[in-house]
C-alpha atoms as a PDB file:
ATOM      1  CA  MET A   1      87.357-129.964 -66.247  1.00  0.00           C
ATOM      2  CA  ARG A   2      90.937-131.179 -65.696  1.00  0.00           C
ATOM      3  CA  ASP A   3      90.909-133.593 -68.622  1.00  0.00           C
ATOM      4  CA  LEU A   4      92.623-132.356 -71.739  1.00  0.00           C
ATOM      5  CA  ALA A   5      92.029-133.463 -75.301  1.00  0.00           C
ATOM      6  CA  ALA A   6      93.758-136.715 -76.163  1.00  0.00           C
ATOM      7  CA  GLY A   7      96.059-134.979 -78.595  1.00  0.00           C
ATOM      8  CA  ASN A   8      97.520-132.828 -75.823  1.00  0.00           C
ATOM      9  CA  ARG A   9      98.247-135.583 -73.304  1.00  0.00           C
ATOM     10  CA  SER A  10     101.780-136.218 -74.544  1.00  0.00           C
ATOM     11  CA  ALA A  11     102.591-132.537 -74.153  1.00  0.00           C
ATOM     12  CA  VAL A  12     101.316-132.607 -70.590  1.00  0.00           C
ATOM     13  CA  THR A  13     103.445-135.676 -69.849  1.00  0.00           C
ATOM     14  CA  ALA A  14     106.439-133.894 -71.286  1.00  0.00           C
ATOM     15  CA  GLY A  15     105.954-131.232 -68.673  1.00  0.00           C
ATOM     16  CA  ILE A  16     104.885-128.071 -70.464  1.00  0.00           C
ATOM     17  CA  PHE A  17     101.936-127.642 -68.083  1.00  0.00           C
ATOM     18  CA  THR A  18     103.850-128.455 -64.913  1.00  0.00           C
ATOM     19  CA  LEU A  19     105.425-125.811 -62.703  1.00  0.00           C
ATOM     20  CA  LEU A  20     107.734-123.630 -64.803  1.00  0.00           C
ATOM     21  CA  ARG A  21     109.967-120.887 -63.519  1.00  0.00           C
ATOM     22  CA  ALA A  22     111.820-118.270 -65.502  1.00  0.00           C
ATOM     23  CA  PRO A  23     115.188-116.837 -64.497  1.00  0.00           C
ATOM     24  CA  PHE A  24     114.820-113.417 -62.933  1.00  0.00           C
ATOM     25  CA  ASN A  25     116.934-110.434 -62.103  1.00  0.00           C
ATOM     26  CA  LEU A  26     117.338-109.233 -58.554  1.00  0.00           C
ATOM     27  CA  GLN A  27     114.687-106.596 -57.868  1.00  0.00           C
ATOM     28  CA  PRO A  28     113.437-104.903 -54.699  1.00  0.00           C
ATOM     29  CA  MET A  29     110.294-107.020 -55.063  1.00  0.00           C
ATOM     30  CA  LYS A  30     109.964-110.161 -57.143  1.00  0.00           C
ATOM     31  CA  LEU A  31     107.048-110.249 -59.508  1.00  0.00           C
ATOM     32  CA  ASN A  32     105.330-113.468 -60.475  1.00  0.00           C
ATOM     33  CA  ALA A  33     102.564-114.440 -62.865  1.00  0.00           C
ATOM     34  CA  LEU A  34     100.060-117.267 -63.052  1.00  0.00           C
ATOM     35  CA  VAL A  35      99.058-118.273 -66.586  1.00  0.00           C
ATOM     36  CA  MET A  36      95.890-120.270 -67.309  1.00  0.00           C
ATOM     37  CA  SER A  37      96.426-121.564 -70.831  1.00  0.00           C
ATOM     38  CA  ARG A  38      96.829-124.727 -72.894  1.00  0.00           C
ATOM     39  CA  SER A  39      98.198-122.947 -75.965  1.00  0.00           C
ATOM     40  CA  HIS A  40     101.834-123.855 -76.678  1.00  0.00           C
ATOM     41  CA  SER A  41     102.382-120.846 -78.929  1.00  0.00           C
ATOM     42  CA  SER A  42     100.919-118.383 -76.413  1.00  0.00           C
ATOM     43  CA  ILE A  43     102.963-119.867 -73.571  1.00  0.00           C
ATOM     44  CA  ARG A  44     106.180-119.548 -75.597  1.00  0.00           C
ATOM     45  CA  VAL A  45     105.572-115.823 -76.222  1.00  0.00           C
ATOM     46  CA  LEU A  46     104.693-115.201 -72.572  1.00  0.00           C
ATOM     47  CA  VAL A  47     107.729-117.107 -71.282  1.00  0.00           C
ATOM     48  CA  ALA A  48     110.046-115.032 -73.481  1.00  0.00           C
ATOM     49  CA  ALA A  49     108.494-111.804 -72.149  1.00  0.00           C
ATOM     50  CA  PHE A  50     108.723-113.016 -68.536  1.00  0.00           C
ATOM     51  CA  ALA A  51     112.410-113.832 -69.022  1.00  0.00           C
ATOM     52  CA  GLU A  52     113.147-110.362 -70.402  1.00  0.00           C
ATOM     53  CA  LEU A  53     111.275-108.602 -67.579  1.00  0.00           C
ATOM     54  CA  GLY A  54     112.491-110.826 -64.741  1.00  0.00           C
ATOM     55  CA  ILE A  55     109.049-112.199 -63.868  1.00  0.00           C
ATOM     56  CA  GLU A  56     108.674-115.647 -62.350  1.00  0.00           C
ATOM     57  CA  TYR A  57     105.762-117.692 -63.632  1.00  0.00           C
ATOM     58  CA  ARG A  58     103.589-120.757 -63.255  1.00  0.00           C
ATOM     59  CA  ILE A  59     101.415-122.470 -65.876  1.00  0.00           C
ATOM     60  CA  SER A  60      97.998-123.943 -65.067  1.00  0.00           C
ATOM     61  CA  PRO A  61      95.847-125.775 -67.658  1.00  0.00           C
ATOM     62  CA  SER A  62      92.442-125.701 -65.938  1.00  0.00           C
ATOM     63  CA  ALA A  63      90.067-123.494 -63.984  1.00  0.00           C
ATOM     64  CA  SER A  64      90.036-125.692 -60.883  1.00  0.00           C
ATOM     65  CA  GLU A  65      93.828-125.871 -60.671  1.00  0.00           C
ATOM     66  CA  THR A  66      94.091-122.116 -61.228  1.00  0.00           C
ATOM     67  CA  MET A  67      91.656-121.433 -58.404  1.00  0.00           C
ATOM     68  CA  GLU A  68      93.597-123.683 -56.033  1.00  0.00           C
ATOM     69  CA  THR A  69      96.842-121.901 -56.898  1.00  0.00           C
ATOM     70  CA  LEU A  70      95.277-118.465 -56.442  1.00  0.00           C
ATOM     71  CA  ALA A  71      94.000-119.472 -53.022  1.00  0.00           C
ATOM     72  CA  THR A  72      97.325-120.725 -51.699  1.00  0.00           C
ATOM     73  CA  ASP A  73      99.900-118.406 -53.312  1.00  0.00           C
ATOM     74  CA  HIS A  74     100.232-114.711 -54.075  1.00  0.00           C
ATOM     75  CA  HIS A  75     100.602-113.728 -57.740  1.00  0.00           C
ATOM     76  CA  SER A  76     101.360-110.280 -59.082  1.00  0.00           C
ATOM     77  CA  ALA A  77      99.566-111.021 -62.361  1.00  0.00           C
ATOM     78  CA  LEU A  78      97.029-113.511 -63.668  1.00  0.00           C
ATOM     79  CA  ILE A  79      96.860-114.186 -67.403  1.00  0.00           C
ATOM     80  CA  VAL A  80      93.717-116.070 -68.443  1.00  0.00           C
ATOM     81  CA  ASP A  81      92.950-117.560 -71.852  1.00  0.00           C
ATOM     82  CA  PHE A  82      89.280-116.668 -72.290  1.00  0.00           C
ATOM     83  CA  ASP A  83      88.838-119.450 -74.848  1.00  0.00           C
ATOM     84  CA  LEU A  84      89.140-122.017 -72.025  1.00  0.00           C
ATOM     85  CA  PRO A  85      86.096-123.296 -70.098  1.00  0.00           C
ATOM     86  CA  HIS A  86      85.124-121.252 -67.003  1.00  0.00           C
ATOM     87  CA  ALA A  87      87.627-118.489 -67.770  1.00  0.00           C
ATOM     88  CA  VAL A  88      85.135-115.753 -66.869  1.00  0.00           C
ATOM     89  CA  GLN A  89      84.448-117.340 -63.494  1.00  0.00           C
ATOM     90  CA  VAL A  90      88.174-117.663 -62.741  1.00  0.00           C
ATOM     91  CA  ALA A  91      88.648-113.979 -63.561  1.00  0.00           C
ATOM     92  CA  LYS A  92      85.812-113.026 -61.236  1.00  0.00           C
ATOM     93  CA  VAL A  93      87.271-115.162 -58.442  1.00  0.00           C
ATOM     94  CA  ALA A  94      90.602-113.372 -58.850  1.00  0.00           C
ATOM     95  CA  ARG A  95      88.949-109.945 -58.739  1.00  0.00           C
ATOM     96  CA  ALA A  96      87.056-110.970 -55.587  1.00  0.00           C
ATOM     97  CA  ALA A  97      90.309-111.581 -53.690  1.00  0.00           C
ATOM     98  CA  SER A  98      91.394-109.198 -50.945  1.00  0.00           C
ATOM     99  CA  ALA A  99      93.117-106.023 -52.144  1.00  0.00           C
ATOM    100  CA  LYS A 100      96.601-107.116 -51.086  1.00  0.00           C
ATOM    101  CA  ARG A 101      96.258-110.429 -52.942  1.00  0.00           C
ATOM    102  CA  ARG A 102      94.393-109.231 -56.032  1.00  0.00           C
ATOM    103  CA  PRO A 103      96.503-109.790 -59.178  1.00  0.00           C
ATOM    104  CA  VAL A 104      96.620-107.556 -62.228  1.00  0.00           C
ATOM    105  CA  LEU A 105      94.385-109.427 -64.660  1.00  0.00           C
ATOM    106  CA  PHE A 106      95.208-109.996 -68.332  1.00  0.00           C
ATOM    107  CA  GLY A 107      92.665-111.584 -70.675  1.00  0.00           C
ATOM    108  CA  MET A 108      93.886-113.452 -73.759  1.00  0.00           C
ATOM    109  CA  ILE A 109      91.239-113.523 -76.493  1.00  0.00           C
ATOM    110  CA  GLY A 110      90.839-114.873 -79.993  1.00  0.00           C
ATOM    111  CA  SER A 111      89.015-113.297 -82.903  1.00  0.00           C
ATOM    112  CA  THR A 112      85.632-114.707 -81.848  1.00  0.00           C
ATOM    113  CA  THR A 113      85.767-113.695 -78.167  1.00  0.00           C
ATOM    114  CA  PRO A 114      83.757-110.525 -77.352  1.00  0.00           C
ATOM    115  CA  ILE A 115      86.140-108.015 -75.794  1.00  0.00           C
ATOM    116  CA  GLY A 116      83.319-106.584 -73.671  1.00  0.00           C
ATOM    117  CA  SER A 117      82.914-109.844 -71.761  1.00  0.00           C
ATOM    118  CA  VAL A 118      86.613-109.774 -70.810  1.00  0.00           C
ATOM    119  CA  PHE A 119      86.408-106.307 -69.285  1.00  0.00           C
ATOM    120  CA  GLN A 120      83.110-107.144 -67.600  1.00  0.00           C
ATOM    121  CA  ALA A 121      84.884-110.058 -65.923  1.00  0.00           C
ATOM    122  CA  GLY A 122      87.368-107.582 -64.447  1.00  0.00           C
ATOM    123  CA  ALA A 123      90.331-107.721 -66.837  1.00  0.00           C
ATOM    124  CA  ASN A 124      92.781-104.815 -66.663  1.00  0.00           C
ATOM    125  CA  PHE A 125      94.531-105.588 -69.963  1.00  0.00           C
ATOM    126  CA  VAL A 126      93.628-107.549 -73.104  1.00  0.00           C
ATOM    127  CA  LEU A 127      96.132-109.610 -75.116  1.00  0.00           C
ATOM    128  CA  TYR A 128      95.092-110.588 -78.633  1.00  0.00           C
ATOM    129  CA  LYS A 129      95.818-114.071 -80.012  1.00  0.00           C
ATOM    130  CA  PRO A 130      97.970-115.005 -81.745  1.00  0.00           C
ATOM    131  CA  LEU A 131     100.094-113.144 -79.240  1.00  0.00           C
ATOM    132  CA  ASP A 132     102.398-110.471 -80.586  1.00  0.00           C
ATOM    133  CA  PRO A 133     105.680-110.367 -78.600  1.00  0.00           C
ATOM    134  CA  LEU A 134     105.853-106.552 -78.685  1.00  0.00           C
ATOM    135  CA  GLN A 135     102.274-106.110 -77.511  1.00  0.00           C
ATOM    136  CA  VAL A 136     102.852-108.557 -74.664  1.00  0.00           C
ATOM    137  CA  LEU A 137     106.029-106.742 -73.582  1.00  0.00           C
ATOM    138  CA  HIS A 138     104.378-103.312 -73.733  1.00  0.00           C
ATOM    139  CA  SER A 139     101.354-104.536 -71.745  1.00  0.00           C
ATOM    140  CA  LEU A 140     103.464-106.218 -69.074  1.00  0.00           C
ATOM    141  CA  ARG A 141     105.676-103.152 -68.721  1.00  0.00           C
ATOM    142  CA  ALA A 142     102.609-100.930 -68.360  1.00  0.00           C
ATOM    143  CA  ALA A 143     101.247-103.219 -65.650  1.00  0.00           C
ATOM    144  CA  GLN A 144     104.473-103.576 -63.643  1.00  0.00           C
ATOM    145  CA  ALA A 145     103.856-100.513 -61.472  1.00  0.00           C
ATOM    146  CA  PHE A 146     100.466-101.910 -60.463  1.00  0.00           C
ATOM    147  CA  MET A 147     101.993-105.316 -59.784  1.00  0.00           C
ATOM    148  CA  ARG A 148     104.543-103.762 -57.423  1.00  0.00           C
ATOM    149  CA  GLU A 149     101.803-101.898 -55.600  1.00  0.00           C
ATOM    150  CA  ASP A 150      99.765-105.074 -55.124  1.00  0.00           C
ATOM    151  CA  ARG A 151     102.867-106.949 -54.001  1.00  0.00           C
ATOM    152  CA  ARG A 152     103.687-104.716 -51.024  1.00  0.00           C
ATOM    153  CA  GLY A 153     103.274-106.469 -47.699  1.00  0.00           C
ATOM    154  CA  SER A 154     101.823-109.572 -49.302  1.00  0.00           C
ATOM    155  CA  SER A 155     104.362-111.902 -47.702  1.00  0.00           C
ATOM    156  CA  ARG A 156     102.855-111.047 -44.325  1.00  0.00           C
ATOM    157  CA  HIS A 157      99.281-111.447 -45.527  1.00  0.00           C
ATOM    158  CA  LYS A 158      97.513-114.697 -44.685  1.00  0.00           C
ATOM    159  CA  SER A 159      96.656-117.176 -47.416  1.00  0.00           C
ATOM    160  CA  GLU A 160      93.172-117.523 -48.780  1.00  0.00           C
ATOM    161  CA  THR A 161      91.612-120.966 -48.480  1.00  0.00           C
ATOM    162  CA  LEU A 162      89.435-123.284 -50.544  1.00  0.00           C
ATOM    163  CA  ALA A 163      86.433-125.345 -49.514  1.00  0.00           C
ATOM    164  CA  TYR A 164      85.816-128.669 -51.237  1.00  0.00           C
ATOM    165  CA  LEU A 165      82.135-129.566 -51.675  1.00  0.00           C
ATOM    166  CA  GLN A 166      80.886-133.077 -52.431  1.00  0.00           C
ATOM    167  CA  LEU A 167      78.301-132.317 -55.114  1.00  0.00           C
ATOM    168  CA  PRO A 168      76.526-134.766 -57.472  1.00  0.00           C
ATOM    169  CA  ALA A 169      78.912-133.797 -60.297  1.00  0.00           C
ATOM    170  CA  GLY A 170      81.948-134.536 -58.103  1.00  0.00           C
ATOM    171  CA  THR A 171      84.218-132.644 -55.739  1.00  0.00           C
ATOM    172  CA  THR A 172      83.960-128.906 -56.425  1.00  0.00           C
ATOM    173  CA  PRO A 173      86.532-126.402 -55.103  1.00  0.00           C
ATOM    174  CA  ALA A 174      85.371-122.912 -54.127  1.00  0.00           C
ATOM    175  CA  LEU A 175      87.222-119.904 -52.738  1.00  0.00           C
ATOM    176  CA  VAL A 176      86.173-119.168 -49.151  1.00  0.00           C
ATOM    177  CA  GLN A 177      85.263-115.492 -48.822  1.00  0.00           C
ATOM    178  CA  GLU A 178      83.767-115.471 -45.318  1.00  0.00           C
ATOM    179  CA  VAL A 179      83.955-117.917 -42.411  1.00  0.00           C
ATOM    180  CA  THR A 180      81.588-117.619 -39.447  1.00  0.00           C
ATOM    181  CA  GLU A 181      80.441-119.945 -36.675  1.00  0.00           C
ATOM    182  CA  HIS A 182      77.260-120.560 -38.680  1.00  0.00           C
ATOM    183  CA  GLY A 183      78.597-121.153 -42.175  1.00  0.00           C
ATOM    184  CA  LEU A 184      80.567-120.007 -45.223  1.00  0.00           C
ATOM    185  CA  SER A 185      80.216-117.691 -48.181  1.00  0.00           C
ATOM    186  CA  LEU A 186      81.947-119.039 -51.276  1.00  0.00           C
ATOM    187  CA  GLN A 187      82.967-118.214 -54.843  1.00  0.00           C
ATOM    188  CA  ALA A 188      83.255-121.168 -57.233  1.00  0.00           C
ATOM    189  CA  ALA A 189      84.415-121.224 -60.852  1.00  0.00           C
ATOM    190  CA  GLU A 190      80.888-122.066 -62.023  1.00  0.00           C
ATOM    191  CA  ALA A 191      77.325-121.921 -60.741  1.00  0.00           C
ATOM    192  CA  MET A 192      76.469-124.519 -58.090  1.00  0.00           C
ATOM    193  CA  LEU A 193      73.124-126.252 -57.686  1.00  0.00           C
ATOM    194  CA  PRO A 194      71.760-125.367 -54.229  1.00  0.00           C
ATOM    195  CA  LEU A 195      71.311-128.519 -52.167  1.00  0.00           C
ATOM    196  CA  ARG A 196      70.825-129.564 -48.568  1.00  0.00           C
ATOM    197  CA  ASN A 197      73.174-131.599 -46.384  1.00  0.00           C
ATOM    198  CA  VAL A 198      76.247-131.110 -48.601  1.00  0.00           C
ATOM    199  CA  ARG A 199      79.456-132.591 -47.248  1.00  0.00           C
ATOM    200  CA  LEU A 200      82.412-130.196 -47.315  1.00  0.00           C
ATOM    201  CA  ARG A 201      85.851-129.601 -45.877  1.00  0.00           C
ATOM    202  CA  PHE A 202      88.104-126.562 -45.656  1.00  0.00           C
ATOM    203  CA  LEU A 203      91.367-125.507 -44.062  1.00  0.00           C
ATOM    204  CA  LEU A 204      91.132-122.751 -41.482  1.00  0.00           C
ATOM    205  CA  PRO A 205      93.231-119.911 -42.990  1.00  0.00           C
ATOM    206  CA  GLY A 206      96.656-119.579 -41.413  1.00  0.00           C
ATOM    207  CA  THR A 207      96.477-123.007 -39.728  1.00  0.00           C
ATOM    208  CA  THR A 208      96.848-126.703 -40.520  1.00  0.00           C
ATOM    209  CA  GLN A 209      93.403-127.502 -39.093  1.00  0.00           C
ATOM    210  CA  VAL A 210      90.862-129.029 -41.482  1.00  0.00           C
ATOM    211  CA  VAL A 211      87.175-128.558 -40.697  1.00  0.00           C
ATOM    212  CA  HIS A 212      84.733-131.217 -41.905  1.00  0.00           C
ATOM    213  CA  ALA A 213      81.023-130.374 -41.903  1.00  0.00           C
ATOM    214  CA  ASN A 214      77.670-130.801 -43.580  1.00  0.00           C
ATOM    215  CA  ALA A 215      75.938-127.649 -44.781  1.00  0.00           C
ATOM    216  CA  ASP A 216      72.772-126.388 -46.507  1.00  0.00           C
ATOM    217  CA  PHE A 217      72.803-123.826 -49.304  1.00  0.00           C
ATOM    218  CA  ILE A 218      70.845-120.735 -48.272  1.00  0.00           C
ATOM    219  CA  TRP A 219      71.444-118.983 -51.602  1.00  0.00           C
ATOM    220  CA  ALA A 220      73.387-119.397 -54.848  1.00  0.00           C
ATOM    221  CA  ASP A 221      73.624-117.322 -58.018  1.00  0.00           C
ATOM    222  CA  GLY A 222      74.646-117.842 -61.614  1.00  0.00           C
ATOM    223  CA  GLU A 223      78.120-116.381 -61.012  1.00  0.00           C
ATOM    224  CA  GLY A 224      79.263-119.236 -58.747  1.00  0.00           C
ATOM    225  CA  ARG A 225      78.686-117.347 -55.487  1.00  0.00           C
ATOM    226  CA  ALA A 226      76.856-119.021 -52.619  1.00  0.00           C
ATOM    227  CA  GLY A 227      76.169-118.963 -48.903  1.00  0.00           C
ATOM    228  CA  LEU A 228      75.868-122.100 -46.768  1.00  0.00           C
ATOM    229  CA  PHE A 229      74.775-122.765 -43.185  1.00  0.00           C
ATOM    230  CA  PHE A 230      76.454-125.558 -41.257  1.00  0.00           C
ATOM    231  CA  SER A 231      73.910-128.291 -40.456  1.00  0.00           C
ATOM    232  CA  ASP A 232      76.279-130.714 -38.752  1.00  0.00           C
ATOM    233  CA  MET A 233      79.851-130.560 -37.505  1.00  0.00           C
ATOM    234  CA  ALA A 234      81.977-132.768 -35.271  1.00  0.00           C
ATOM    235  CA  VAL A 235      82.616-131.437 -31.768  1.00  0.00           C
ATOM    236  CA  ALA A 236      86.380-131.211 -32.349  1.00  0.00           C
ATOM    237  CA  CYS A 237      85.925-129.252 -35.584  1.00  0.00           C
ATOM    238  CA  ARG A 238      83.429-126.911 -33.914  1.00  0.00           C
ATOM    239  CA  ARG A 239      85.929-126.254 -31.130  1.00  0.00           C
ATOM    240  CA  ASP A 240      88.725-125.507 -33.605  1.00  0.00           C
ATOM    241  CA  LEU A 241      86.458-123.153 -35.583  1.00  0.00           C
ATOM    242  CA  GLN A 242      85.330-121.235 -32.496  1.00  0.00           C
ATOM    243  CA  ALA A 243      88.915-120.875 -31.265  1.00  0.00           C
ATOM    244  CA  TRP A 244      90.002-119.603 -34.701  1.00  0.00           C
ATOM    245  CA  LEU A 245      87.163-117.045 -34.795  1.00  0.00           C
ATOM    246  CA  LYS A 246      87.883-115.858 -31.266  1.00  0.00           C
ATOM    247  CA  LYS A 247      91.573-115.393 -32.048  1.00  0.00           C
ATOM    248  CA  ARG A 248      90.658-113.166 -34.999  1.00  0.00           C
ATOM    249  CA  GLY A 249      88.105-111.145 -33.076  1.00  0.00           C
ATOM    250  CA  VAL A 250      85.159-112.000 -35.311  1.00  0.00           C
ATOM    251  CA  ARG A 251      81.983-110.468 -33.866  1.00  0.00           C
ATOM    252  CA  LYS A 252      78.939-112.702 -33.493  1.00  0.00           C
ATOM    253  CA  SER A 253      76.667-109.880 -34.626  1.00  0.00           C
ATOM    254  CA  GLU A 254      78.171-110.158 -38.125  1.00  0.00           C
ATOM    255  CA  ALA A 255      78.124-113.960 -38.268  1.00  0.00           C
ATOM    256  CA  VAL A 256      74.814-114.317 -40.109  1.00  0.00           C
ATOM    257  CA  ARG A 257      74.847-111.073 -42.130  1.00  0.00           C
ATOM    258  CA  SER A 258      78.101-111.962 -43.900  1.00  0.00           C
ATOM    259  CA  LEU A 259      76.542-115.166 -45.271  1.00  0.00           C
ATOM    260  CA  LEU A 260      73.530-113.496 -46.858  1.00  0.00           C
ATOM    261  CA  GLU A 261      73.188-112.890 -50.581  1.00  0.00           C
ATOM    262  CA  PRO A 262      74.737-109.467 -51.399  1.00  0.00           C
ATOM    263  CA  GLN A 263      71.354-107.851 -52.215  1.00  0.00           C
ATOM    264  CA  SER A 264      69.868-109.069 -48.921  1.00  0.00           C
ATOM    265  CA  ARG A 265      72.921-107.822 -47.051  1.00  0.00           C
ATOM    266  CA  ARG A 266      72.513-104.343 -48.549  1.00  0.00           C
ATOM    267  CA  ALA A 267      68.839-104.340 -47.564  1.00  0.00           C
ATOM    268  CA  LEU A 268      69.720-105.196 -43.968  1.00  0.00           C
ATOM    269  CA  VAL A 269      72.282-102.401 -43.803  1.00  0.00           C
ATOM    270  CA  ALA A 270      69.770 -99.918 -45.233  1.00  0.00           C
ATOM    271  CA  ALA A 271      67.169-101.020 -42.685  1.00  0.00           C
ATOM    272  CA  HIS A 272      69.554-100.180 -39.884  1.00  0.00           C
END
């Protein structure tokens, strides 16, 4: 998923897809945007708009890199090119983030991309390619108030974290949505094949402690969501996990329920 077409490799080497930052004016709260795109022309239009509005920015060429960046850093806005692979899944991951970390979502679409699929993925605004500088400016200005609202208090909010699963297709990153003593619930950029005894690792949010474990899928859906039960974990990792859960006051009664498939969870709540 990270590999780009051979014709684009020189551009990557030149640095267009590395970290880019625009100059910004002093504001009560700094706004920043994450852009998932490989289109030079689209990036140029967006960069010009960011410079005019004082918005910092970062460019990411792939779904996996975008997910990693979303998990570790706060962004006021996420602009996704829906012509890239796994764009819909990335959008859904962003919308699944906690309220204080959820970015305003822009979907960039070409003439063949169904607009309905972009809004179904959770987009707040649509930008039509080739990008028109005035439309981009108007859309960003309209979204700024929402960006400021999402930005409040975010510097004090803990980072999200990613789990890395060793699957047959390779190492797959997934956003950790719930952590319990029994397992994890995850959101990946694409559907995952449910397997047993999957090796994984993840960083306990707000710490430098890495947990290594083996886990079994207990459910997975076509949207990249899944729940896993730990089947094996080193004593030291188990101790770190239990201490982390205790510090955050996680109740054992919710440990299993939070890992269930959403429909099953709703059924349990209704039964009670």
